[in-house]
N, C-alpha and C. Protein backbone atom coordinates (compact mmCIF):
# COMPACT_ATOMS: atom_id res chain seq x y z
N UNK A 1 115.18 175.04 39.53
CA UNK A 1 116.26 174.16 39.13
C UNK A 1 117.62 174.71 39.56
N UNK A 2 117.88 176.05 39.39
CA UNK A 2 119.17 176.57 39.85
C UNK A 2 119.38 176.35 41.35
N UNK A 3 118.30 176.40 42.14
CA UNK A 3 118.44 176.16 43.57
C UNK A 3 118.84 174.73 43.84
N UNK A 4 118.35 173.80 43.08
CA UNK A 4 118.70 172.40 43.24
C UNK A 4 120.17 172.19 42.92
N UNK A 5 120.66 172.82 41.87
CA UNK A 5 122.07 172.70 41.49
C UNK A 5 122.93 173.31 42.58
N UNK A 6 122.52 174.49 43.08
CA UNK A 6 123.30 175.15 44.14
C UNK A 6 123.31 174.30 45.40
N UNK A 7 122.18 173.72 45.76
CA UNK A 7 122.09 172.86 46.94
C UNK A 7 122.98 171.64 46.77
N UNK A 8 122.97 171.06 45.59
CA UNK A 8 123.79 169.88 45.30
C UNK A 8 125.28 170.23 45.41
N UNK A 9 125.65 171.37 44.86
CA UNK A 9 127.05 171.81 44.93
C UNK A 9 127.48 172.03 46.38
N UNK A 10 126.62 172.68 47.16
CA UNK A 10 126.93 172.92 48.59
C UNK A 10 127.10 171.60 49.34
N UNK A 11 126.21 170.67 49.04
CA UNK A 11 126.29 169.36 49.70
C UNK A 11 127.61 168.65 49.31
N UNK A 12 127.99 168.72 48.04
CA UNK A 12 129.23 168.10 47.57
C UNK A 12 130.43 168.77 48.25
N UNK A 13 130.40 170.10 48.37
CA UNK A 13 131.49 170.83 49.02
C UNK A 13 131.62 170.42 50.48
N UNK A 14 130.48 170.28 51.17
CA UNK A 14 130.51 169.87 52.58
C UNK A 14 131.09 168.46 52.72
N UNK A 15 130.69 167.57 51.81
CA UNK A 15 131.23 166.21 51.84
C UNK A 15 132.73 166.21 51.58
N UNK A 16 133.16 167.05 50.65
CA UNK A 16 134.59 167.16 50.34
C UNK A 16 135.35 167.70 51.55
N UNK A 17 134.81 168.70 52.21
CA UNK A 17 135.46 169.25 53.41
C UNK A 17 135.55 168.19 54.50
N UNK A 18 134.49 167.41 54.67
CA UNK A 18 134.50 166.35 55.69
C UNK A 18 135.56 165.31 55.35
N UNK A 19 135.66 164.93 54.08
CA UNK A 19 136.66 163.94 53.66
C UNK A 19 138.07 164.49 53.91
N UNK A 20 138.28 165.78 53.59
CA UNK A 20 139.59 166.40 53.84
C UNK A 20 139.92 166.44 55.33
N UNK A 21 138.92 166.80 56.15
CA UNK A 21 139.14 166.83 57.60
C UNK A 21 139.48 165.44 58.13
N UNK A 22 138.75 164.43 57.66
CA UNK A 22 139.03 163.05 58.08
C UNK A 22 140.44 162.63 57.65
N UNK A 23 140.83 163.01 56.45
CA UNK A 23 142.17 162.66 55.95
C UNK A 23 143.25 163.36 56.79
N UNK A 24 143.03 164.64 57.13
CA UNK A 24 143.99 165.36 57.97
C UNK A 24 144.12 164.70 59.34
N UNK A 25 142.98 164.34 59.90
CA UNK A 25 142.98 163.68 61.21
C UNK A 25 143.74 162.37 61.15
N UNK A 26 143.47 161.59 60.13
CA UNK A 26 144.17 160.31 59.97
C UNK A 26 145.67 160.52 59.75
N UNK A 27 146.03 161.52 58.98
CA UNK A 27 147.44 161.81 58.73
C UNK A 27 148.13 162.20 60.03
N UNK A 28 147.47 163.04 60.85
CA UNK A 28 148.05 163.42 62.15
C UNK A 28 148.25 162.19 63.04
N UNK A 29 147.26 161.31 63.06
CA UNK A 29 147.37 160.09 63.88
C UNK A 29 148.55 159.23 63.41
N UNK A 30 148.70 159.09 62.12
CA UNK A 30 149.81 158.29 61.57
C UNK A 30 151.14 158.92 61.94
N UNK A 31 151.25 160.24 61.79
CA UNK A 31 152.50 160.93 62.14
C UNK A 31 152.81 160.81 63.63
N UNK A 32 151.78 160.95 64.46
CA UNK A 32 151.99 160.81 65.90
C UNK A 32 152.46 159.41 66.25
N UNK A 33 151.85 158.42 65.62
CA UNK A 33 152.25 157.04 65.85
C UNK A 33 153.69 156.81 65.40
N UNK A 34 154.04 157.36 64.24
CA UNK A 34 155.40 157.21 63.73
C UNK A 34 156.40 157.89 64.66
N UNK A 35 156.07 159.09 65.16
CA UNK A 35 156.96 159.78 66.11
C UNK A 35 157.17 158.95 67.37
N UNK A 36 156.10 158.36 67.86
CA UNK A 36 156.20 157.51 69.05
C UNK A 36 157.10 156.31 68.77
N UNK A 37 156.92 155.68 67.63
CA UNK A 37 157.75 154.54 67.26
C UNK A 37 159.22 154.94 67.15
N UNK A 38 159.48 156.09 66.55
CA UNK A 38 160.86 156.56 66.42
C UNK A 38 161.48 156.80 67.79
N UNK A 39 160.73 157.44 68.66
CA UNK A 39 161.25 157.69 70.02
C UNK A 39 161.56 156.38 70.72
N UNK A 40 160.68 155.41 70.58
CA UNK A 40 160.91 154.10 71.22
C UNK A 40 162.14 153.42 70.64
N UNK A 41 162.30 153.47 69.35
CA UNK A 41 163.45 152.84 68.70
C UNK A 41 164.74 153.52 69.13
N UNK A 42 164.73 154.85 69.13
CA UNK A 42 165.94 155.59 69.47
C UNK A 42 166.32 155.43 70.94
N UNK A 43 165.32 155.26 71.80
CA UNK A 43 165.62 155.13 73.23
C UNK A 43 165.92 153.69 73.64
N UNK A 44 165.64 152.73 72.78
CA UNK A 44 165.88 151.33 73.14
C UNK A 44 167.35 150.97 72.98
N UNK A 45 167.77 149.98 73.74
CA UNK A 45 169.14 149.48 73.65
C UNK A 45 169.21 148.50 72.48
N UNK A 46 170.07 148.82 71.54
CA UNK A 46 170.25 147.93 70.41
C UNK A 46 171.31 146.89 70.74
N UNK A 47 171.16 145.68 70.26
CA UNK A 47 172.15 144.64 70.54
C UNK A 47 173.43 144.89 69.73
N UNK A 48 174.26 145.81 70.23
CA UNK A 48 175.47 146.21 69.52
C UNK A 48 176.46 145.05 69.37
N UNK A 49 176.43 144.11 70.30
CA UNK A 49 177.33 142.96 70.17
C UNK A 49 177.07 142.21 68.87
N UNK A 50 175.81 141.98 68.56
CA UNK A 50 175.47 141.28 67.33
C UNK A 50 175.87 142.09 66.10
N UNK A 51 175.64 143.38 66.18
CA UNK A 51 176.00 144.24 65.05
C UNK A 51 177.51 144.26 64.87
N UNK A 52 178.24 144.36 65.96
CA UNK A 52 179.71 144.38 65.89
C UNK A 52 180.24 143.06 65.35
N UNK A 53 179.67 141.96 65.80
CA UNK A 53 180.10 140.64 65.31
C UNK A 53 179.84 140.51 63.81
N UNK A 54 178.67 140.94 63.38
CA UNK A 54 178.33 140.87 61.96
C UNK A 54 179.25 141.77 61.15
N UNK A 55 179.53 142.95 61.67
CA UNK A 55 180.45 143.88 61.01
C UNK A 55 181.82 143.24 60.85
N UNK A 56 182.34 142.67 61.94
CA UNK A 56 183.66 142.03 61.89
C UNK A 56 183.68 140.85 60.92
N UNK A 57 182.59 140.10 60.91
CA UNK A 57 182.50 138.95 60.01
C UNK A 57 182.53 139.40 58.55
N UNK A 58 181.79 140.46 58.24
CA UNK A 58 181.77 140.99 56.87
C UNK A 58 183.15 141.49 56.46
N UNK A 59 183.81 142.20 57.36
CA UNK A 59 185.16 142.71 57.08
C UNK A 59 186.12 141.55 56.84
N UNK A 60 186.07 140.54 57.68
CA UNK A 60 186.97 139.40 57.55
C UNK A 60 186.72 138.65 56.24
N UNK A 61 185.46 138.47 55.89
CA UNK A 61 185.12 137.82 54.62
C UNK A 61 185.67 138.63 53.45
N UNK A 62 185.53 139.93 53.52
CA UNK A 62 186.07 140.79 52.48
C UNK A 62 187.58 140.68 52.37
N UNK A 63 188.25 140.63 53.50
CA UNK A 63 189.72 140.48 53.49
C UNK A 63 190.12 139.14 52.89
N UNK A 64 189.42 138.08 53.28
CA UNK A 64 189.74 136.75 52.73
C UNK A 64 189.54 136.71 51.21
N UNK A 65 188.44 137.26 50.77
CA UNK A 65 188.18 137.27 49.33
C UNK A 65 189.22 138.12 48.59
N UNK A 66 189.63 139.22 49.21
CA UNK A 66 190.66 140.07 48.60
C UNK A 66 191.98 139.33 48.48
N UNK A 67 192.35 138.61 49.54
CA UNK A 67 193.60 137.83 49.50
C UNK A 67 193.55 136.79 48.38
N UNK A 68 192.42 136.09 48.29
CA UNK A 68 192.28 135.07 47.25
C UNK A 68 192.36 135.70 45.86
N UNK A 69 191.69 136.82 45.68
CA UNK A 69 191.69 137.48 44.38
C UNK A 69 193.09 137.98 44.03
N UNK A 70 193.81 138.52 45.01
CA UNK A 70 195.19 138.97 44.76
C UNK A 70 196.08 137.79 44.37
N UNK A 71 195.90 136.68 45.02
CA UNK A 71 196.71 135.50 44.69
C UNK A 71 196.40 135.02 43.27
N UNK A 72 195.11 135.01 42.91
CA UNK A 72 194.74 134.62 41.54
C UNK A 72 195.35 135.60 40.54
N UNK A 73 195.33 136.88 40.85
CA UNK A 73 195.89 137.89 39.94
C UNK A 73 197.40 137.71 39.83
N UNK A 74 198.08 137.40 40.94
CA UNK A 74 199.53 137.18 40.90
C UNK A 74 199.87 135.97 40.02
N UNK A 75 199.10 134.90 40.19
CA UNK A 75 199.34 133.70 39.37
C UNK A 75 199.12 134.00 37.90
N UNK A 76 198.07 134.73 37.60
CA UNK A 76 197.77 135.06 36.20
C UNK A 76 198.87 135.97 35.63
N UNK A 77 199.31 136.95 36.42
CA UNK A 77 200.39 137.84 35.96
C UNK A 77 201.67 137.05 35.73
N UNK A 78 201.94 136.12 36.62
CA UNK A 78 203.13 135.28 36.48
C UNK A 78 203.04 134.44 35.22
N UNK A 79 201.87 133.89 34.95
CA UNK A 79 201.66 133.08 33.74
C UNK A 79 201.82 133.94 32.48
N UNK A 80 201.26 135.13 32.52
CA UNK A 80 201.38 136.04 31.36
C UNK A 80 202.84 136.38 31.12
N UNK A 81 203.58 136.66 32.20
CA UNK A 81 205.01 136.97 32.07
C UNK A 81 205.77 135.78 31.48
N UNK A 82 205.48 134.59 31.98
CA UNK A 82 206.15 133.39 31.47
C UNK A 82 205.82 133.17 29.99
N UNK A 83 204.57 133.36 29.63
CA UNK A 83 204.16 133.22 28.22
C UNK A 83 204.86 134.26 27.35
N UNK A 84 204.96 135.49 27.86
CA UNK A 84 205.61 136.55 27.09
C UNK A 84 207.09 136.23 26.89
N UNK A 85 207.75 135.75 27.95
CA UNK A 85 209.17 135.40 27.83
C UNK A 85 209.36 134.27 26.82
N UNK A 86 208.46 133.29 26.83
CA UNK A 86 208.56 132.19 25.87
C UNK A 86 208.36 132.72 24.45
N UNK A 87 207.42 133.61 24.26
CA UNK A 87 207.17 134.18 22.93
C UNK A 87 208.38 135.00 22.47
N UNK A 88 209.00 135.75 23.38
CA UNK A 88 210.19 136.52 23.02
C UNK A 88 211.31 135.57 22.62
N UNK A 89 211.50 134.51 23.41
CA UNK A 89 212.53 133.53 23.08
C UNK A 89 212.26 132.91 21.71
N UNK A 90 211.01 132.57 21.43
CA UNK A 90 210.65 131.99 20.13
C UNK A 90 210.94 132.98 19.00
N UNK A 91 210.61 134.23 19.21
CA UNK A 91 210.87 135.24 18.18
C UNK A 91 212.36 135.44 17.95
N UNK A 92 213.15 135.43 19.04
CA UNK A 92 214.61 135.57 18.91
C UNK A 92 215.16 134.39 18.12
N UNK A 93 214.71 133.19 18.39
CA UNK A 93 215.16 132.01 17.65
C UNK A 93 214.78 132.11 16.18
N UNK A 94 213.56 132.57 15.92
CA UNK A 94 213.10 132.72 14.55
C UNK A 94 213.96 133.74 13.78
N UNK A 95 214.19 134.89 14.42
CA UNK A 95 214.98 135.94 13.76
C UNK A 95 216.42 135.47 13.55
N UNK A 96 217.02 134.87 14.57
CA UNK A 96 218.40 134.39 14.40
C UNK A 96 218.47 133.27 13.38
N UNK A 97 217.46 132.43 13.34
CA UNK A 97 217.44 131.36 12.33
C UNK A 97 217.32 131.95 10.93
N UNK A 98 216.48 132.98 10.79
CA UNK A 98 216.32 133.63 9.49
C UNK A 98 217.63 134.31 9.06
N UNK A 99 218.30 134.93 10.01
CA UNK A 99 219.56 135.60 9.69
C UNK A 99 220.61 134.57 9.27
N UNK A 100 220.65 133.45 9.97
CA UNK A 100 221.63 132.40 9.63
C UNK A 100 221.38 131.85 8.21
N UNK A 101 220.09 131.75 7.86
CA UNK A 101 219.75 131.23 6.53
C UNK A 101 220.17 132.23 5.43
N UNK A 102 220.08 133.53 5.72
CA UNK A 102 220.42 134.57 4.75
C UNK A 102 221.93 134.58 4.51
N UNK A 103 222.74 134.32 5.48
CA UNK A 103 224.20 134.40 5.35
C UNK A 103 224.66 133.26 4.55
């Protein structure tokens, strides 16, 4: 019986080694393929015109949105200032009216 167990263990070890060897071989093939793909990509001519156009378009869109947002902020600040001035005027009238009533 011990010989059967030892034989079974040896067989399992051999199968495990074969599986590891197959996995290493497959990993090497994948890495080699990836290296080849990278070399091809790096050596190919990229359509820089399209990239430049897209870049410029994104920048221009950002500038337009920034201008619009700044204008909205200016209008809001102007409205807040106008509201504050009106509130100050109202408070001055209230205080002066109260003072006039006291005299």
